[in-house]
Amino acid sequence: MNGSIMQNLIFFMTALLLYSGAAASEKALKMIETGDLEQARREVGQLATAATRDGSVLYCQALLESDGYASAKFLDAAFKAGMAPQWLEDNVRRKVLYYLADKDYTNLASSALGYLQHWENGQYRPMMLRLYALAADKIGQKAAADRHLELLIRENENRAWGDIGRLDKARRQYEAKEYSGAQNICRSLTKSKHDVAVAPAMYLLSYYSFRQKRIDDAILYYNLLKESYPDAVGLDDLVSGFSDLKVSGGSDAEKITGTFYSIQVGVYSIRDNARDTKKRMEKYGQAVDILEKTISGKKYYVVYVGKFGSSDEAIAFRARLETQENEAFQVIAR
């Protein structure tokens, strides 16, 4: 057999092995997508030789690995070994998310920026703009963080990612104690059509109102958040913060003849929700009122329980309500 034939044979066998690896990877990925993980592991495990362990096979192993650190190592190896273009972009995305989970903001910034430079119009561009802005801010590159956050907002106007960008901007302003601008952003986001931004905006409004001692606003946005998103993350934290609240307007109100005290148990944007709460609270044997309030041009329904002649009586009754309802309420001077 002459040298030319031998070279052709080696080339053919190598190509065949590589094709087998790619085909097996495709098959394994479909198994992973359908949740057949054990069969996918067996499929990938059959490709044991170095010749067939190309980047695509390593990528499959990364997806099957339960340990985050080991999975990241496989992603690295897959990238270096070379892999099919249709999987390369997702490989980088997963590695970026690993850096985020690991709080490795230097590598997060580098990888997210690398993605943006390589895939200018990639499918994960909004995510990478946001994550780069986050990482750049964490490592002290404030100007770069600002630029990419504004780019995210501008490129995704009236979309969920744009609202998420505005939410991040508000959070940064709150942290910088630029309260007015942050509050304006969050108030506008409460009217967004994207739930992914509405609930966090309400949480920020409640949390930072409490931090600023604006208790009425804190309770208002807590109640709106609880009404619209009863399973929202952060509700329990807000309740913990409210547990030691004083009487709203107490010291001055007690000097005014005819002032009485009630427990505010809910603020609702839907009247029927307020009525449901009223019915539930009537079992405690106290008067229950629903009053309408207009806030920022929108009508809300506030539910009050009891009419007590002193703040001490109201506070004692509030303690009973909070124990029974497992909620935090506020005493209001009326």
Protein backbone atom coordinates (compact mmCIF):
# COMPACT_ATOMS: atom_id res chain seq x y z
CA MET A 1 0.00 0.00 0.00
CA ASN A 2 1.60 3.25 -1.10
CA GLY A 3 1.82 6.43 1.04
CA SER A 4 -0.96 8.25 -0.82
CA ILE A 5 -3.49 5.48 -0.22
CA MET A 6 -2.46 5.24 3.44
CA GLN A 7 -2.96 8.98 3.95
CA ASN A 8 -6.39 8.83 2.35
CA LEU A 9 -7.34 5.89 4.55
CA ILE A 10 -6.21 7.70 7.73
CA PHE A 11 -8.15 10.79 6.69
CA PHE A 12 -11.27 8.72 5.99
CA MET A 13 -11.10 6.89 9.33
CA THR A 14 -10.54 10.12 11.26
CA ALA A 15 -13.49 11.78 9.54
CA LEU A 16 -15.62 8.72 10.26
CA LEU A 17 -14.74 8.84 13.96
CA LEU A 18 -15.44 12.54 14.20
CA TYR A 19 -18.75 12.07 12.44
CA SER A 20 -19.61 9.26 14.87
CA GLY A 21 -18.83 11.57 17.80
CA ALA A 22 -20.96 14.39 16.40
CA ALA A 23 -23.83 12.01 15.59
CA ALA A 24 -23.69 10.51 19.08
CA SER A 25 -23.64 14.00 20.57
CA GLU A 26 -26.73 14.95 18.60
CA LYS A 27 -28.47 11.81 19.79
CA ALA A 28 -27.38 12.36 23.40
CA LEU A 29 -28.57 15.97 23.37
CA LYS A 30 -32.04 14.89 22.24
CA MET A 31 -32.12 12.39 25.11
CA ILE A 32 -31.11 15.15 27.56
CA GLU A 33 -33.83 17.45 26.21
CA THR A 34 -36.46 14.75 26.77
CA GLY A 35 -35.16 13.95 30.27
CA ASP A 36 -33.74 10.50 29.42
CA LEU A 37 -30.50 11.20 31.29
CA GLU A 38 -29.42 7.64 32.04
CA GLN A 39 -29.65 6.61 28.40
CA ALA A 40 -27.79 9.81 27.44
CA ARG A 41 -24.98 8.90 29.86
CA ARG A 42 -24.71 5.45 28.30
CA GLU A 43 -24.62 6.97 24.83
CA VAL A 44 -21.85 9.40 25.74
CA GLY A 45 -19.97 6.74 27.71
CA GLN A 46 -19.60 4.60 24.60
CA LEU A 47 -17.42 7.30 23.06
CA ALA A 48 -14.46 6.45 25.25
CA THR A 49 -11.55 6.89 22.86
CA ALA A 50 -9.61 10.14 22.56
CA ALA A 51 -10.39 10.31 18.86
CA THR A 52 -14.10 10.59 19.43
CA ARG A 53 -14.07 12.78 22.55
CA ASP A 54 -14.48 16.01 20.62
CA GLY A 55 -15.90 19.23 21.99
CA SER A 56 -19.50 18.23 21.32
CA VAL A 57 -19.17 15.08 23.40
CA LEU A 58 -17.54 17.05 26.22
CA TYR A 59 -20.41 19.52 26.01
CA CYS A 60 -22.86 16.66 26.55
CA GLN A 61 -20.86 15.54 29.57
CA ALA A 62 -21.07 19.07 30.97
CA LEU A 63 -24.87 18.94 30.71
CA LEU A 64 -24.99 15.55 32.42
CA GLU A 65 -22.64 16.50 35.24
CA SER A 66 -24.44 17.27 38.53
CA ASP A 67 -21.48 19.04 40.15
CA GLY A 68 -21.24 22.68 39.03
CA TYR A 69 -17.46 22.89 39.22
CA ALA A 70 -16.96 19.69 37.23
CA SER A 71 -19.54 20.81 34.68
CA ALA A 72 -17.65 24.10 34.21
CA LYS A 73 -14.45 22.17 33.57
CA PHE A 74 -16.16 20.13 30.87
CA LEU A 75 -17.48 23.35 29.30
CA ASP A 76 -13.93 24.71 29.23
CA ALA A 77 -12.59 21.53 27.67
CA ALA A 78 -15.40 21.49 25.09
CA PHE A 79 -14.63 25.07 24.07
CA LYS A 80 -10.91 24.34 23.67
CA ALA A 81 -11.47 21.08 21.79
CA GLY A 82 -13.80 22.69 19.28
CA MET A 83 -17.48 21.92 18.88
CA ALA A 84 -20.39 22.29 16.52
CA PRO A 85 -21.34 25.98 15.96
CA GLN A 86 -24.96 25.40 16.99
CA TRP A 87 -23.80 24.44 20.50
CA LEU A 88 -20.93 26.86 20.94
CA GLU A 89 -23.11 29.86 21.80
CA ASP A 90 -24.98 27.89 24.46
CA ASN A 91 -21.69 26.62 25.85
CA VAL A 92 -20.57 30.21 26.48
CA ARG A 93 -23.94 31.10 28.01
CA ARG A 94 -23.70 28.24 30.48
CA LYS A 95 -20.16 29.17 31.43
CA VAL A 96 -21.24 32.78 32.04
CA LEU A 97 -24.05 31.57 34.31
CA TYR A 98 -21.54 29.43 36.22
CA TYR A 99 -19.39 32.51 36.86
CA LEU A 100 -22.49 34.35 38.05
CA ALA A 101 -23.39 31.57 40.50
CA ASP A 102 -19.77 31.44 41.68
CA LYS A 103 -19.67 35.25 42.06
CA ASP A 104 -16.55 35.31 39.91
CA TYR A 105 -17.27 38.77 38.53
CA THR A 106 -13.93 39.21 36.76
CA ASN A 107 -14.42 36.12 34.58
CA LEU A 108 -18.12 36.93 34.28
CA ALA A 109 -17.32 40.36 32.82
CA SER A 110 -14.68 38.92 30.48
CA SER A 111 -16.87 36.09 29.19
CA ALA A 112 -20.00 38.21 28.76
CA LEU A 113 -18.03 40.86 26.87
CA GLY A 114 -16.42 38.14 24.73
CA TYR A 115 -19.88 36.85 23.84
CA LEU A 116 -21.06 40.34 22.86
CA GLN A 117 -18.05 40.82 20.63
CA HIS A 118 -18.32 37.40 18.96
CA TRP A 119 -22.12 37.26 18.57
CA GLU A 120 -23.12 40.85 17.94
CA ASN A 121 -26.74 39.83 17.32
CA GLY A 122 -26.73 36.62 19.33
CA GLN A 123 -29.88 35.13 20.85
CA TYR A 124 -28.55 35.78 24.37
CA ARG A 125 -27.49 39.38 23.74
CA PRO A 126 -29.93 41.01 26.24
CA MET A 127 -28.84 38.61 28.98
CA MET A 128 -25.17 39.27 28.27
CA LEU A 129 -25.65 43.04 28.29
CA ARG A 130 -27.29 42.77 31.69
CA LEU A 131 -24.71 40.38 33.15
CA TYR A 132 -21.81 42.42 31.84
CA ALA A 133 -23.31 45.55 33.41
CA LEU A 134 -23.70 43.70 36.72
CA ALA A 135 -20.15 42.33 36.65
CA ALA A 136 -18.58 45.61 35.54
CA ASP A 137 -20.32 47.39 38.40
CA LYS A 138 -19.06 44.79 40.89
CA ILE A 139 -15.44 45.15 39.78
CA GLY A 140 -15.54 48.94 39.83
CA GLN A 141 -16.01 49.69 36.13
CA LYS A 142 -19.00 51.97 36.72
CA ALA A 143 -18.90 53.83 33.40
CA ALA A 144 -18.86 50.58 31.40
CA ALA A 145 -21.70 49.23 33.53
CA ASP A 146 -23.77 52.37 32.86
CA ARG A 147 -23.18 52.19 29.10
CA HIS A 148 -24.23 48.58 28.77
CA LEU A 149 -27.25 49.00 31.01
CA GLU A 150 -28.48 51.94 28.93
CA LEU A 151 -27.84 49.89 25.79
CA LEU A 152 -29.97 47.06 27.20
CA ILE A 153 -32.81 49.49 27.96
CA ARG A 154 -32.59 51.27 24.58
CA GLU A 155 -32.46 48.07 22.50
CA ASN A 156 -35.40 46.51 24.34
CA GLU A 157 -37.88 49.34 24.74
CA ASN A 158 -41.36 48.03 25.65
CA ARG A 159 -39.95 44.53 26.07
CA ALA A 160 -39.36 42.48 29.21
CA TRP A 161 -35.57 42.82 28.98
CA GLY A 162 -35.89 46.58 28.74
CA ASP A 163 -37.97 46.67 31.93
CA ILE A 164 -35.45 44.41 33.65
CA GLY A 165 -32.74 46.88 32.65
CA ARG A 166 -34.75 49.76 34.12
CA LEU A 167 -35.22 47.73 37.30
CA ASP A 168 -31.45 47.22 37.58
CA LYS A 169 -30.96 50.94 37.05
CA ALA A 170 -33.41 51.70 39.86
CA ARG A 171 -31.67 49.25 42.17
CA ARG A 172 -28.34 50.91 41.56
CA GLN A 173 -29.86 54.33 42.21
CA TYR A 174 -31.37 53.11 45.47
CA GLU A 175 -27.98 51.78 46.55
CA ALA A 176 -26.46 55.18 45.72
CA LYS A 177 -29.26 56.84 47.77
CA GLU A 178 -30.64 58.55 44.67
CA TYR A 179 -34.12 57.83 45.98
CA SER A 180 -36.20 60.16 43.83
CA GLY A 181 -35.03 58.78 40.49
CA ALA A 182 -35.25 55.18 41.71
CA GLN A 183 -38.79 55.65 43.01
CA ASN A 184 -39.94 57.20 39.72
CA ILE A 185 -38.59 54.23 37.77
CA CYS A 186 -40.15 51.67 40.11
CA ARG A 187 -43.52 53.42 40.17
CA SER A 188 -43.64 53.38 36.39
CA LEU A 189 -42.66 49.69 36.38
CA THR A 190 -45.64 48.80 38.59
CA LYS A 191 -47.76 49.57 35.50
CA SER A 192 -45.66 47.40 33.19
CA LYS A 193 -47.23 44.53 31.26
CA HIS A 194 -44.24 42.35 32.17
CA ASP A 195 -44.71 40.60 35.51
CA VAL A 196 -41.01 39.84 35.70
CA ALA A 197 -40.44 43.54 36.46
CA VAL A 198 -43.63 44.46 38.34
CA ALA A 199 -43.15 42.30 41.44
CA PRO A 200 -39.50 43.31 42.04
CA ALA A 201 -40.45 46.98 41.53
CA MET A 202 -43.12 46.72 44.23
CA TYR A 203 -40.66 44.99 46.52
CA LEU A 204 -38.06 47.72 46.06
CA LEU A 205 -40.65 50.44 46.68
CA SER A 206 -41.73 48.76 49.91
CA TYR A 207 -38.23 47.89 51.12
CA TYR A 208 -36.66 51.29 50.53
CA SER A 209 -39.73 53.16 51.80
CA PHE A 210 -39.26 51.27 55.04
CA ARG A 211 -35.56 52.13 55.07
CA GLN A 212 -36.48 55.81 54.65
CA LYS A 213 -39.05 55.59 57.49
CA ARG A 214 -41.95 56.19 55.06
CA ILE A 215 -44.00 53.50 56.74
CA ASP A 216 -47.35 54.19 55.04
CA ASP A 217 -45.75 53.79 51.60
CA ALA A 218 -43.90 50.67 52.74
CA ILE A 219 -47.13 49.03 53.90
CA LEU A 220 -48.99 50.16 50.78
CA TYR A 221 -46.57 48.53 48.36
CA TYR A 222 -46.23 45.45 50.54
CA ASN A 223 -50.00 44.95 50.39
CA LEU A 224 -50.11 45.51 46.63
CA LEU A 225 -47.30 43.00 46.18
CA LYS A 226 -49.06 40.46 48.41
CA GLU A 227 -52.34 40.92 46.53
CA SER A 228 -50.92 40.59 43.03
CA TYR A 229 -48.08 38.12 43.70
CA PRO A 230 -48.86 36.12 46.87
CA ASP A 231 -45.90 33.77 46.24
CA ALA A 232 -43.38 36.54 45.52
CA VAL A 233 -39.88 36.12 46.89
CA GLY A 234 -39.20 38.69 49.59
CA LEU A 235 -42.64 38.92 51.21
CA ASP A 236 -41.43 37.18 54.36
CA ASP A 237 -38.44 39.51 54.60
CA LEU A 238 -40.73 42.53 54.41
CA VAL A 239 -42.97 41.10 57.12
CA SER A 240 -39.93 40.62 59.37
CA GLY A 241 -38.99 44.25 58.85
CA PHE A 242 -42.49 45.44 59.71
CA SER A 243 -42.79 43.42 62.91
CA ASP A 244 -41.71 46.29 65.20
CA LEU A 245 -43.58 49.12 63.53
CA LYS A 246 -44.84 52.02 65.65
CA VAL A 247 -48.29 53.55 65.34
CA SER A 248 -48.54 55.66 62.19
CA GLY A 249 -49.21 59.26 63.24
CA GLY A 250 -49.67 58.18 66.86
CA SER A 251 -48.10 60.84 69.04
CA ASP A 252 -49.75 63.78 67.29
CA ALA A 253 -53.05 62.02 66.62
CA GLU A 254 -53.72 61.26 70.27
CA LYS A 255 -53.83 64.99 70.94
CA ILE A 256 -56.69 65.50 68.51
CA THR A 257 -60.20 65.09 69.87
CA GLY A 258 -62.16 62.34 68.21
CA THR A 259 -59.14 60.46 66.84
CA PHE A 260 -59.44 56.67 66.86
CA TYR A 261 -57.16 53.85 65.80
CA SER A 262 -57.62 50.99 63.33
CA ILE A 263 -55.50 48.18 62.00
CA GLN A 264 -54.83 48.42 58.27
CA VAL A 265 -54.97 44.84 56.99
CA GLY A 266 -54.89 45.28 53.22
CA VAL A 267 -54.63 47.60 50.24
CA TYR A 268 -56.15 46.29 47.02
CA SER A 269 -56.48 47.40 43.45
CA ILE A 270 -59.54 45.17 42.98
CA ARG A 271 -62.66 45.89 45.05
CA ASP A 272 -63.71 42.22 45.27
CA ASN A 273 -60.38 41.32 46.90
CA ALA A 274 -61.00 43.99 49.53
CA ARG A 275 -64.50 42.62 50.12
CA ASP A 276 -63.12 39.09 50.56
CA THR A 277 -60.69 40.35 53.20
CA LYS A 278 -63.48 42.28 54.93
CA LYS A 279 -65.57 39.11 55.22
CA ARG A 280 -62.59 37.18 56.60
CA MET A 281 -61.83 39.85 59.21
CA GLU A 282 -65.41 40.15 60.50
CA LYS A 283 -64.92 36.93 62.48
CA TYR A 284 -62.80 38.88 64.99
CA GLY A 285 -65.85 40.80 66.21
CA GLN A 286 -64.63 44.30 65.28
CA ALA A 287 -65.98 46.80 62.79
CA VAL A 288 -64.40 46.40 59.33
CA ASP A 289 -64.34 49.28 56.86
CA ILE A 290 -63.31 49.64 53.23
CA LEU A 291 -62.18 53.11 52.19
CA GLU A 292 -61.24 54.25 48.70
CA LYS A 293 -57.92 56.02 48.13
CA THR A 294 -56.48 57.45 44.94
CA ILE A 295 -52.72 57.10 44.62
CA SER A 296 -50.83 58.33 41.54
CA GLY A 297 -54.13 58.55 39.69
CA LYS A 298 -55.15 54.96 40.45
CA LYS A 299 -57.95 53.89 42.79
CA TYR A 300 -57.19 51.49 45.67
CA TYR A 301 -59.36 49.93 48.38
CA VAL A 302 -57.99 49.95 51.93
CA VAL A 303 -59.38 47.58 54.58
CA TYR A 304 -59.37 48.70 58.23
CA VAL A 305 -60.31 46.59 61.26
CA GLY A 306 -61.50 48.08 64.56
CA LYS A 307 -62.08 51.53 65.99
CA PHE A 308 -60.10 51.86 69.19
CA GLY A 309 -59.96 54.87 71.46
CA SER A 310 -56.26 54.44 72.30
CA SER A 311 -53.17 53.28 70.49
CA ASP A 312 -52.46 50.73 73.26
CA GLU A 313 -55.77 48.98 72.61
CA ALA A 314 -55.11 48.94 68.88
CA ILE A 315 -51.60 47.56 69.33
CA ALA A 316 -52.89 44.78 71.58
CA PHE A 317 -55.53 43.80 69.02
CA ARG A 318 -52.96 43.97 66.21
CA ALA A 319 -50.81 41.43 68.05
CA ARG A 320 -53.78 39.05 68.11
CA LEU A 321 -54.46 39.55 64.39
CA GLU A 322 -50.83 39.01 63.43
CA THR A 323 -50.71 35.76 65.40
CA GLN A 324 -53.91 34.45 63.83
CA GLU A 325 -53.23 35.62 60.28
CA ASN A 326 -49.44 35.16 60.25
CA GLU A 327 -49.10 38.61 58.69
CA ALA A 328 -47.66 42.01 59.66
CA PHE A 329 -50.17 44.84 59.99
CA GLN A 330 -50.05 48.53 60.82
CA VAL A 331 -51.96 50.59 63.37
CA ILE A 332 -53.30 53.76 61.77
CA ALA A 333 -54.55 56.89 63.52
CA ARG A 334 -57.80 57.95 61.77
